[in-house]
Amino acid sequence: MKVHKRTFIKKIPQFFLLIFCLMMRSTMANEYQVDIGWVPGFISEFNNAQTYINDSSGKVITHFGGRNTAGGALGTGVQNSPKAEFQTPSTMLVTWLSFKDGYFWQAKIDLPEKDISRLFDEKIQGIFVSQPYQKVQRYNKLVVNVGPQGKVYIFLGGVDIKLIGKYQGYKIDIPWETHVKDTWSSSPAQPITKHQYITKVQESRKDTIKQAEQFDEKIFNPIKWKLTLNQPNQLIAYTSKMINGEDQTILDNVGQTTLNSVPKIFIFDVKNGSKISRYRVKLDPIIYAFFHDNFNSNNVVNFNINFPNANEANLYLEQGAKKVEFKKIDIEEIKR
């Protein structure tokens, strides 16, 4: 494939210092925002009054949702709360109207509070976000995506995107007038029924709703892969956007770290002699089927970039003795 160019604390007794730190930690907050969205095709409207996150005491941290405000891309969404110092979320109530099936859905979710707190505290070198000499907050968004038949997918977003969990909601009945009052900032100029409203959206967003046919929840089934390069090229770091909505940046143990979803784009830094270059690789969407047709998902598959010369690169998928070239890629050298 042709490459396209382009002093006081010391006086405090240690025991009391420990107690003080623990008390401070319990009251500390993280700076983050809530983003909402839907799996492509599953257009939804979040009921604001009945959609919120709580802290561990059960106190509401913030509501989110509103009339037709969400966007459709797995792992991302549109900002739907202030970005502020919030307590770590412990539980969540999500209520929404699906324009795909016409039902109201609701999910009561217990979140992995300790994991979320730890991840919100993570810092990462901003190598791929134009801040290579600074450590930045890795995750600063709580992302809520709704999908088919009451499914809810929770991610943390920011520099990277990480899937936190998959949850199942249930159908509920909400009087249409209640939903309008809960969700819309103002009453419609002309009265409109639930059926009329859903039909109007379905007719105007036919192409978008049709995207639902392409969604397969099997994309969340874990696999194992890692990025490798042919010698004498040395892989320095890389970041990958994956089919399950996750983005992950690998800066340490780059040759041994495995990721758990089929990649669709990755950007990597390679060192050859004293020169360090950066490349962007985009894979055709058929990579998902290609991967599962050719390899055992329980074992590691190497995505090996081979540079026969300075102006050419090829991608081979390798598992054990099996080696298959994936030709439908676009690779270009980009500025670091």
Protein backbone atom coordinates (compact mmCIF):
# COMPACT_ATOMS: atom_id res chain seq x y z
CA MET A 1 0.00 0.00 0.00
CA LYS A 2 1.48 3.34 -1.06
CA VAL A 3 2.11 5.77 1.81
CA HIS A 4 0.68 9.28 1.31
CA LYS A 5 3.02 12.04 2.73
CA ARG A 6 1.67 14.59 5.00
CA THR A 7 7.08 22.37 55.16
CA PHE A 8 3.69 22.60 57.26
CA ILE A 9 2.53 19.07 56.80
CA LYS A 10 5.70 17.61 58.31
CA LYS A 11 4.64 18.92 61.73
CA ILE A 12 1.35 17.00 61.71
CA PRO A 13 1.47 13.54 63.34
CA GLN A 14 1.37 10.82 60.70
CA PHE A 15 -1.84 9.24 62.02
CA PHE A 16 -3.79 12.51 61.86
CA LEU A 17 -2.34 13.26 58.45
CA LEU A 18 -3.67 9.93 57.22
CA ILE A 19 -7.14 10.63 58.65
CA PHE A 20 -7.10 14.11 57.13
CA CYS A 21 -6.19 12.74 53.69
CA LEU A 22 -8.91 10.11 53.84
CA MET A 23 -11.50 12.71 54.81
CA MET A 24 -10.41 14.98 52.01
CA ARG A 25 -10.52 12.14 49.51
CA SER A 26 -14.09 11.26 50.49
CA THR A 27 -15.22 14.81 49.77
CA MET A 28 -13.13 15.41 46.67
CA ALA A 29 -14.84 15.79 43.35
CA ASN A 30 -13.76 15.28 39.78
CA GLU A 31 -14.20 17.73 36.95
CA TYR A 32 -16.36 16.13 34.28
CA GLN A 33 -19.48 16.55 32.19
CA VAL A 34 -22.28 14.27 31.05
CA ASP A 35 -22.67 13.59 27.32
CA ILE A 36 -25.66 11.78 25.85
CA GLY A 37 -26.14 9.99 22.55
CA TRP A 38 -27.49 6.92 20.87
CA VAL A 39 -26.16 4.01 18.88
CA PRO A 40 -26.37 5.01 15.18
CA GLY A 41 -29.94 4.51 14.01
CA PHE A 42 -31.57 4.38 17.44
CA ILE A 43 -32.66 8.02 17.66
CA SER A 44 -33.86 8.82 21.17
CA GLU A 45 -35.06 11.67 23.36
CA PHE A 46 -34.01 11.68 27.02
CA ASN A 47 -36.62 12.67 29.60
CA ASN A 48 -34.85 15.39 31.61
CA ALA A 49 -36.84 15.16 34.85
CA GLN A 50 -36.41 11.39 35.04
CA THR A 51 -32.78 11.17 33.90
CA TYR A 52 -29.99 11.93 36.39
CA ILE A 53 -26.93 10.65 38.25
CA ASN A 54 -26.66 10.27 42.05
CA ASP A 55 -23.73 10.20 44.44
CA SER A 56 -23.23 7.42 47.01
CA SER A 57 -25.62 9.09 49.48
CA GLY A 58 -28.41 9.10 46.88
CA LYS A 59 -28.25 12.84 46.29
CA VAL A 60 -28.86 13.97 42.72
CA ILE A 61 -25.64 15.29 41.16
CA THR A 62 -27.14 16.58 37.93
CA HIS A 63 -30.03 15.98 35.57
CA PHE A 64 -29.43 15.58 31.85
CA GLY A 65 -31.51 15.10 28.74
CA GLY A 66 -33.91 17.26 26.78
CA ARG A 67 -35.87 17.54 23.59
CA ASN A 68 -34.16 15.79 20.70
CA THR A 69 -30.71 16.86 21.89
CA ALA A 70 -28.73 13.66 21.43
CA GLY A 71 -26.39 12.65 18.64
CA GLY A 72 -25.63 9.23 17.26
CA ALA A 73 -22.14 7.77 17.54
CA LEU A 74 -21.13 4.88 19.78
CA GLY A 75 -18.87 6.02 22.62
CA THR A 76 -19.59 9.72 22.13
CA GLY A 77 -22.46 12.18 22.46
CA VAL A 78 -23.32 15.82 22.91
CA GLN A 79 -22.61 17.72 26.10
CA ASN A 80 -25.74 17.77 28.22
CA SER A 81 -24.59 19.04 31.59
CA PRO A 82 -22.18 21.72 32.78
CA LYS A 83 -18.53 20.72 32.99
CA ALA A 84 -17.97 21.16 36.70
CA GLU A 85 -16.59 19.70 39.92
CA PHE A 86 -19.05 16.87 40.56
CA GLN A 87 -19.03 14.04 43.08
CA THR A 88 -18.26 10.63 41.60
CA PRO A 89 -21.49 9.08 40.28
CA SER A 90 -22.72 5.98 42.08
CA THR A 91 -26.11 5.32 40.46
CA MET A 92 -28.00 6.53 37.43
CA LEU A 93 -31.58 6.71 36.25
CA VAL A 94 -32.04 6.96 32.48
CA THR A 95 -35.44 7.48 30.87
CA TRP A 96 -35.90 7.94 27.14
CA LEU A 97 -38.28 7.78 24.20
CA SER A 98 -37.02 5.62 21.34
CA PHE A 99 -38.07 6.82 17.89
CA LYS A 100 -36.96 3.46 16.51
CA ASP A 101 -39.62 1.40 18.30
CA GLY A 102 -41.90 4.11 19.74
CA TYR A 103 -41.58 3.01 23.37
CA PHE A 104 -40.54 4.75 26.57
CA TRP A 105 -37.66 2.96 28.29
CA GLN A 106 -36.05 3.32 31.68
CA ALA A 107 -32.91 1.86 33.26
CA LYS A 108 -31.81 1.98 36.90
CA ILE A 109 -28.06 1.52 36.90
CA ASP A 110 -25.53 0.80 39.66
CA LEU A 111 -22.26 2.27 38.42
CA PRO A 112 -18.76 0.98 39.33
CA GLU A 113 -18.08 4.06 41.48
CA LYS A 114 -14.56 3.13 42.62
CA ASP A 115 -13.42 2.33 39.08
CA ILE A 116 -14.90 5.56 37.72
CA SER A 117 -13.21 7.61 40.46
CA ARG A 118 -9.87 5.96 39.73
CA LEU A 119 -10.20 6.52 35.99
CA PHE A 120 -11.23 10.17 36.41
CA ASP A 121 -7.99 10.62 38.37
CA GLU A 122 -5.82 9.18 35.59
CA LYS A 123 -3.35 11.40 33.79
CA ILE A 124 -1.71 10.65 30.49
CA GLN A 125 1.02 12.26 28.41
CA GLY A 126 -0.71 14.29 25.72
CA ILE A 127 1.34 12.87 22.87
CA PHE A 128 -1.55 12.53 20.43
CA VAL A 129 -3.50 15.63 21.52
CA SER A 130 -0.91 18.34 20.73
CA GLN A 131 0.36 18.45 24.32
CA PRO A 132 3.29 16.02 24.16
CA TYR A 133 5.14 17.51 27.14
CA GLN A 134 2.14 17.75 29.46
CA LYS A 135 0.09 15.25 31.40
CA VAL A 136 -3.61 15.70 30.81
CA GLN A 137 -6.77 14.22 32.35
CA ARG A 138 -7.42 11.02 30.46
CA TYR A 139 -11.18 10.93 31.07
CA ASN A 140 -13.43 13.92 31.78
CA LYS A 141 -16.80 12.86 30.38
CA LEU A 142 -19.49 10.43 31.47
CA VAL A 143 -21.06 9.26 28.20
CA VAL A 144 -24.52 7.66 28.09
CA ASN A 145 -25.54 5.87 24.87
CA VAL A 146 -28.91 4.15 24.43
CA GLY A 147 -29.51 1.43 21.87
CA PRO A 148 -31.85 -1.35 20.78
CA GLN A 149 -34.55 -2.78 23.04
CA GLY A 150 -33.69 -0.76 26.14
CA LYS A 151 -29.93 -1.28 26.06
CA VAL A 152 -27.71 1.35 27.71
CA TYR A 153 -23.96 1.62 27.15
CA ILE A 154 -21.90 3.72 29.57
CA PHE A 155 -18.48 5.08 28.58
CA LEU A 156 -15.92 7.44 30.03
CA GLY A 157 -14.67 9.88 27.40
CA GLY A 158 -11.94 12.45 26.94
CA VAL A 159 -8.50 11.94 25.47
CA ASP A 160 -9.43 8.26 25.41
CA ILE A 161 -12.80 6.50 25.51
CA LYS A 162 -13.43 3.46 27.71
CA LEU A 163 -16.51 1.23 27.95
CA ILE A 164 -17.64 1.04 31.60
CA GLY A 165 -20.60 -1.28 31.22
CA LYS A 166 -23.64 -2.51 29.32
CA TYR A 167 -27.04 -2.39 31.00
CA GLN A 168 -30.62 -3.45 30.27
CA GLY A 169 -33.61 -1.16 30.70
CA TYR A 170 -37.33 -1.95 30.66
CA LYS A 171 -40.42 -0.50 29.00
CA ILE A 172 -42.48 1.99 31.00
CA ASP A 173 -45.60 4.05 30.43
CA ILE A 174 -45.36 7.83 30.77
CA PRO A 175 -48.32 10.08 30.01
CA TRP A 176 -47.41 12.08 26.93
CA GLU A 177 -48.23 15.38 28.63
CA THR A 178 -45.84 14.47 31.47
CA HIS A 179 -43.00 13.74 29.08
CA VAL A 180 -43.50 17.03 27.26
CA LYS A 181 -43.52 18.94 30.56
CA ASP A 182 -40.47 17.03 31.85
CA THR A 183 -38.42 17.37 28.69
CA TRP A 184 -39.36 20.23 26.39
CA SER A 185 -38.28 23.74 27.28
CA SER A 186 -41.60 25.12 26.00
CA SER A 187 -44.96 23.77 24.94
CA PRO A 188 -45.48 23.23 21.19
CA ALA A 189 -47.23 25.99 19.28
CA GLN A 190 -49.75 23.42 18.07
CA PRO A 191 -50.79 20.40 20.17
CA ILE A 192 -49.12 17.19 19.01
CA THR A 193 -49.74 13.63 20.11
CA LYS A 194 -47.06 11.06 20.87
CA HIS A 195 -47.93 9.13 17.71
CA GLN A 196 -47.78 12.26 15.56
CA TYR A 197 -44.45 13.28 17.05
CA ILE A 198 -42.83 9.85 16.59
CA THR A 199 -44.16 9.56 13.02
CA LYS A 200 -42.83 13.02 12.15
CA VAL A 201 -39.33 12.16 13.39
CA GLN A 202 -39.35 8.73 11.72
CA GLU A 203 -40.32 10.23 8.36
CA SER A 204 -37.76 13.03 8.52
CA ARG A 205 -34.89 10.80 9.72
CA LYS A 206 -35.44 7.68 7.61
CA ASP A 207 -31.81 7.43 6.49
CA THR A 208 -30.53 7.84 10.02
CA ILE A 209 -32.90 5.23 11.45
CA LYS A 210 -31.91 2.82 8.69
CA GLN A 211 -28.38 2.76 10.15
CA ALA A 212 -29.78 0.63 12.99
CA GLU A 213 -29.74 -2.35 10.62
CA GLN A 214 -25.93 -2.30 10.67
CA PHE A 215 -25.61 -2.59 14.45
CA ASP A 216 -24.57 -5.94 15.89
CA GLU A 217 -24.04 -6.20 19.64
CA LYS A 218 -21.41 -8.86 19.01
CA ILE A 219 -18.95 -6.00 18.53
CA PHE A 220 -18.75 -5.91 22.34
CA ASN A 221 -17.47 -9.50 22.49
CA PRO A 222 -13.81 -9.17 23.55
CA ILE A 223 -10.96 -10.15 21.26
CA LYS A 224 -7.18 -9.78 21.63
CA TRP A 225 -4.88 -7.86 19.31
CA LYS A 226 -1.72 -5.81 19.44
CA LEU A 227 0.20 -3.59 17.04
CA THR A 228 3.66 -4.61 15.86
CA LEU A 229 6.17 -3.38 13.26
CA ASN A 230 8.77 -5.13 11.16
CA GLN A 231 12.42 -4.73 12.15
CA PRO A 232 14.39 -2.50 12.36
CA ASN A 233 11.41 -0.19 12.95
CA GLN A 234 10.63 0.43 16.62
CA LEU A 235 7.09 1.13 17.79
CA ILE A 236 7.18 4.08 20.23
CA ALA A 237 3.49 4.73 20.97
CA TYR A 238 0.07 4.41 19.37
CA THR A 239 -3.59 5.28 19.76
CA SER A 240 -6.46 3.27 18.33
CA LYS A 241 -10.13 3.95 17.61
CA MET A 242 -12.08 0.69 17.83
CA ILE A 243 -15.37 -0.70 16.59
CA ASN A 244 -16.92 -0.96 20.07
CA GLY A 245 -16.68 2.81 20.54
CA GLU A 246 -13.49 2.79 22.59
CA ASP A 247 -10.34 4.85 21.92
CA GLN A 248 -7.19 3.77 23.74
CA THR A 249 -3.67 5.22 23.83
CA ILE A 250 -0.72 2.94 24.51
CA LEU A 251 2.47 4.63 25.73
CA ASP A 252 4.05 1.89 27.88
CA ASN A 253 4.80 -1.75 27.08
CA VAL A 254 3.69 -1.01 23.55
CA GLY A 255 4.92 -4.31 22.17
CA GLN A 256 3.10 -6.42 24.78
CA THR A 257 -0.15 -4.56 25.50
CA THR A 258 -3.27 -6.08 23.95
CA LEU A 259 -6.56 -4.34 23.17
CA ASN A 260 -9.99 -5.96 23.22
CA SER A 261 -11.90 -4.70 20.17
CA VAL A 262 -11.21 -4.73 16.44
CA PRO A 263 -9.54 -1.46 15.38
CA LYS A 264 -10.83 0.77 12.61
CA ILE A 265 -8.19 3.53 12.85
CA PHE A 266 -4.83 3.72 14.54
CA ILE A 267 -2.08 6.35 14.69
CA PHE A 268 1.42 5.33 15.67
CA ASP A 269 4.93 6.71 16.13
CA VAL A 270 7.80 4.70 14.71
CA LYS A 271 11.53 5.12 15.22
CA ASN A 272 14.01 4.09 12.57
CA GLY A 273 17.58 5.03 13.46
CA SER A 274 17.43 8.57 14.79
CA LYS A 275 14.25 9.48 12.89
CA ILE A 276 10.78 9.34 14.45
CA SER A 277 7.77 9.41 12.13
CA ARG A 278 4.02 9.30 12.65
CA TYR A 279 1.50 7.41 10.51
CA ARG A 280 -2.26 7.21 10.38
CA VAL A 281 -3.90 3.98 9.22
CA LYS A 282 -7.59 3.73 8.34
CA LEU A 283 -9.05 0.26 7.86
CA ASP A 284 -12.03 -0.57 5.67
CA PRO A 285 -15.15 -1.53 7.70
CA ILE A 286 -14.88 -5.10 6.42
CA ILE A 287 -11.98 -5.56 8.87
CA TYR A 288 -14.47 -6.81 11.50
CA ALA A 289 -15.74 -9.68 9.35
CA PHE A 290 -12.23 -10.33 8.01
CA PHE A 291 -10.87 -10.69 11.53
CA HIS A 292 -13.57 -13.13 12.68
CA ASP A 293 -13.50 -15.14 9.45
CA ASN A 294 -9.78 -15.79 9.69
CA PHE A 295 -8.76 -15.87 13.34
CA ASN A 296 -9.57 -17.29 16.76
CA SER A 297 -10.74 -14.36 18.88
CA ASN A 298 -9.54 -16.07 22.08
CA ASN A 299 -5.90 -15.78 21.05
CA VAL A 300 -3.79 -12.72 20.27
CA VAL A 301 -3.65 -11.45 16.70
CA ASN A 302 -0.73 -9.25 15.70
CA PHE A 303 -1.56 -6.32 13.43
CA ASN A 304 1.85 -6.04 11.83
CA ILE A 305 2.77 -3.01 9.74
CA ASN A 306 5.53 -3.88 7.31
CA PHE A 307 7.57 -1.17 5.59
CA PRO A 308 9.29 -2.72 2.54
CA ASN A 309 10.71 0.73 1.75
CA ALA A 310 10.28 4.36 2.73
CA ASN A 311 7.26 4.88 0.47
CA GLU A 312 5.32 1.67 0.97
CA ALA A 313 3.58 -0.08 3.83
CA ASN A 314 1.50 -3.25 4.15
CA LEU A 315 -0.69 -4.62 6.93
CA TYR A 316 -0.54 -8.29 7.88
CA LEU A 317 -2.66 -10.01 10.52
CA GLU A 318 -0.75 -12.81 12.22
CA GLN A 319 -1.74 -15.55 14.65
CA GLY A 320 0.63 -18.41 15.23
CA ALA A 321 1.81 -19.65 11.84
CA LYS A 322 -1.08 -17.97 10.01
CA LYS A 323 -0.35 -14.70 8.23
CA VAL A 324 -2.91 -12.91 6.05
CA GLU A 325 -2.54 -9.54 4.34
CA PHE A 326 -5.37 -7.04 4.77
CA LYS A 327 -5.22 -4.86 1.70
CA LYS A 328 -8.10 -2.45 2.24
CA ILE A 329 -6.23 0.19 4.19
CA ASP A 330 -5.30 3.82 3.71
CA ILE A 331 -2.01 4.86 5.29
CA GLU A 332 -0.43 8.29 5.36
CA GLU A 333 2.47 9.94 7.08
CA ILE A 334 1.27 12.86 9.24
CA LYS A 335 2.90 15.63 11.22
CA ARG A 336 3.81 14.87 14.84
